[in-house]
């Protein structure tokens, strides 16, 4: 039975069993806006965070207990243990540059990082192909360590609605 479990886990891309989270992670709580509320296309998201020390990238050796936040708008976050390089995967211009992906590149792909517990998303674009006047959007926050790697598999999602621009 143990051999079957090891073989099954070997093909799922996990490198560390500590990345598995078999419980709900209640450390992050959204303060505003309220879930499923209607917001403007530039929205300020505010949250609280327990049992995690905020530390900037490169400010100290990496650990699971300290780091910063990554915010993904309308897309899945990077995988546990991965870096923001995943956002640029397949983009030959970015992959060929040592400074890419940078903050501007990430923002152009609706991905942001911050050491604050509040962040203004400058503009949430219309959903491609959607004709709905009131569009559903998902904002996902994950934890990043000080080396720029995603910590564990915990992710917190906030669903909001935004009036379609140009409708």
Protein backbone atom coordinates (compact mmCIF):
# COMPACT_ATOMS: atom_id res chain seq x y z
CA UNK A 1 0.00 0.00 0.00
CA UNK A 2 2.83 2.41 0.86
CA UNK A 3 4.52 1.69 -2.48
CA UNK A 4 1.30 2.54 -4.34
CA UNK A 5 1.06 5.87 -2.46
CA UNK A 6 4.68 6.77 -3.26
CA UNK A 7 4.24 5.92 -6.94
CA UNK A 8 0.98 7.92 -7.10
CA UNK A 9 2.57 10.97 -5.48
CA UNK A 10 5.64 10.77 -7.70
CA UNK A 11 3.66 11.78 -10.77
CA UNK A 12 1.85 14.77 -9.29
CA UNK A 13 4.75 17.23 -9.23
CA UNK A 14 5.11 17.51 -5.45
CA UNK A 15 8.66 17.92 -4.22
CA UNK A 16 7.91 18.30 -0.53
CA UNK A 17 5.04 16.83 1.47
CA UNK A 18 5.08 20.02 3.56
CA UNK A 19 3.50 21.71 0.52
CA UNK A 20 0.34 19.65 1.06
CA UNK A 21 -2.32 21.37 3.14
CA UNK A 22 -5.00 19.03 4.41
CA UNK A 23 -6.82 21.75 6.34
CA UNK A 24 -8.46 25.06 5.67
CA UNK A 25 -5.94 27.85 6.18
CA UNK A 26 -7.82 30.58 8.04
CA UNK A 27 -4.90 32.97 8.54
CA UNK A 28 -5.99 35.49 5.89
CA UNK A 29 -9.32 37.32 6.09
CA UNK A 30 -10.56 39.85 3.55
CA UNK A 31 -11.71 43.13 5.12
CA UNK A 32 -12.90 44.92 2.00
CA UNK A 33 -14.57 44.81 -0.35
CA UNK A 34 -17.22 42.33 0.73
CA UNK A 35 -17.34 39.06 -1.20
CA UNK A 36 -19.50 39.22 -4.34
CA UNK A 37 -19.96 42.98 -4.01
CA UNK A 38 -19.85 45.33 -6.98
CA UNK A 39 -16.63 47.36 -7.18
CA UNK A 40 -15.04 49.81 -9.62
CA UNK A 41 -12.54 48.52 -12.18
CA UNK A 42 -9.72 49.90 -10.01
CA UNK A 43 -10.36 48.21 -6.69
CA UNK A 44 -8.58 48.43 -3.36
CA UNK A 45 -8.40 45.07 -1.58
CA UNK A 46 -7.70 44.99 2.16
CA UNK A 47 -7.05 41.94 4.35
CA UNK A 48 -5.69 40.80 7.69
CA UNK A 49 -3.07 38.09 8.14
CA UNK A 50 -2.31 36.04 11.26
CA UNK A 51 0.78 33.94 12.04
CA UNK A 52 2.88 35.30 9.18
CA UNK A 53 5.62 37.92 9.36
CA UNK A 54 5.77 40.29 6.42
CA UNK A 55 9.25 40.58 4.92
CA UNK A 56 10.39 41.98 1.58
CA UNK A 57 12.01 39.86 -1.09
CA UNK A 58 15.72 39.42 -0.37
CA UNK A 59 15.48 40.94 3.11
CA UNK A 60 16.33 37.72 4.98
CA UNK A 61 16.82 33.99 4.42
CA UNK A 62 13.66 32.30 3.12
CA UNK A 63 11.31 30.50 5.50
CA UNK A 64 7.70 29.34 5.55
CA UNK A 65 6.88 31.89 8.28
CA UNK A 66 7.85 35.14 6.56
CA UNK A 67 7.52 36.79 3.19
CA UNK A 68 5.13 38.83 1.11
CA UNK A 69 1.89 38.52 -0.85
CA UNK A 70 1.23 37.76 -4.52
CA UNK A 71 -2.11 38.80 -6.02
CA UNK A 72 -3.52 37.14 -9.15
CA UNK A 73 -6.54 38.61 -10.93
CA UNK A 74 -8.75 36.22 -12.91
CA UNK A 75 -6.12 33.50 -13.21
CA UNK A 76 -4.73 30.62 -11.20
CA UNK A 77 -1.68 31.38 -9.08
CA UNK A 78 1.72 29.85 -9.63
CA UNK A 79 2.29 26.39 -8.16
CA UNK A 80 3.72 25.83 -4.66
CA UNK A 81 7.50 26.19 -4.62
CA UNK A 82 7.53 28.02 -7.96
CA UNK A 83 8.52 31.61 -8.77
CA UNK A 84 7.01 34.40 -10.87
CA UNK A 85 9.08 33.08 -13.77
CA UNK A 86 6.09 30.79 -14.34
CA UNK A 87 3.98 33.82 -15.33
CA UNK A 88 6.36 34.46 -18.24
CA UNK A 89 6.70 30.82 -19.28
CA UNK A 90 6.49 30.58 -23.05
CA UNK A 91 7.15 34.30 -23.62
CA UNK A 92 10.44 34.14 -25.52
CA UNK A 93 11.16 37.88 -25.15
CA UNK A 94 10.80 37.72 -21.37
CA UNK A 95 12.55 34.39 -20.97
CA UNK A 96 15.57 35.84 -22.81
CA UNK A 97 15.93 38.73 -20.36
CA UNK A 98 17.53 38.39 -16.93
CA UNK A 99 15.35 41.21 -15.53
CA UNK A 100 12.05 39.71 -16.72
CA UNK A 101 9.50 39.21 -15.37
CA UNK A 102 9.66 42.53 -13.56
CA UNK A 103 6.91 44.45 -11.77
CA UNK A 104 5.65 46.05 -15.01
CA UNK A 105 5.55 42.73 -16.86
CA UNK A 106 3.61 41.11 -14.01
CA UNK A 107 1.14 44.02 -13.81
CA UNK A 108 0.52 43.71 -17.55
CA UNK A 109 -0.47 40.10 -16.81
CA UNK A 110 -2.70 41.07 -13.84
CA UNK A 111 -0.24 39.77 -11.23
CA UNK A 112 1.05 41.93 -8.37
CA UNK A 113 3.26 41.56 -5.30
CA UNK A 114 3.15 43.59 -2.12
CA UNK A 115 4.38 43.72 1.47
CA UNK A 116 1.22 45.59 2.49
CA UNK A 117 -2.09 44.15 3.69
CA UNK A 118 -3.89 46.45 1.28
CA UNK A 119 -3.44 46.84 -2.45
CA UNK A 120 -5.06 48.93 -5.17
CA UNK A 121 -5.48 46.93 -8.33
CA UNK A 122 -5.10 49.69 -10.95
CA UNK A 123 -7.52 48.27 -13.50
CA UNK A 124 -9.38 44.99 -13.80
CA UNK A 125 -10.05 44.41 -17.51
CA UNK A 126 -13.28 43.16 -19.04
CA UNK A 127 -13.51 39.40 -19.36
CA UNK A 128 -12.69 38.40 -22.94
CA UNK A 129 -15.79 37.42 -24.89
CA UNK A 130 -18.21 38.20 -22.06
CA UNK A 131 -21.32 40.16 -22.95
CA UNK A 132 -22.47 40.43 -19.32
CA UNK A 133 -22.86 43.98 -18.02
CA UNK A 134 -21.92 42.89 -14.49
CA UNK A 135 -18.86 40.65 -14.77
CA UNK A 136 -17.59 38.23 -12.09
CA UNK A 137 -13.88 38.48 -11.24
CA UNK A 138 -11.71 36.45 -8.88
CA UNK A 139 -8.80 37.87 -6.91
CA UNK A 140 -6.45 35.27 -5.43
CA UNK A 141 -3.75 35.93 -2.81
CA UNK A 142 -0.91 33.52 -2.06
CA UNK A 143 2.16 33.74 0.17
CA UNK A 144 5.67 34.16 -1.22
CA UNK A 145 8.90 33.68 0.73
CA UNK A 146 11.78 36.15 0.68
CA UNK A 147 13.46 34.28 -2.18
CA UNK A 148 10.38 34.76 -4.38
CA UNK A 149 9.01 31.21 -4.13
CA UNK A 150 5.38 30.42 -3.35
CA UNK A 151 4.93 29.05 0.16
CA UNK A 152 2.69 25.98 0.39
CA UNK A 153 -0.61 25.57 -1.39
CA UNK A 154 -2.75 27.99 0.65
CA UNK A 155 -4.64 30.46 -1.50
CA UNK A 156 -7.38 32.89 -0.57
CA UNK A 157 -9.97 33.97 -3.13
CA UNK A 158 -12.23 36.98 -3.23
CA UNK A 159 -15.02 37.13 -5.81
CA UNK A 160 -16.19 40.58 -6.88
CA UNK A 161 -18.36 41.98 -9.65
CA UNK A 162 -17.40 44.85 -11.91
CA UNK A 163 -19.54 46.74 -14.40
CA UNK A 164 -18.22 46.07 -17.89
CA UNK A 165 -16.24 49.04 -19.21
CA UNK A 166 -17.70 50.45 -22.42
CA UNK A 167 -21.07 48.73 -21.97
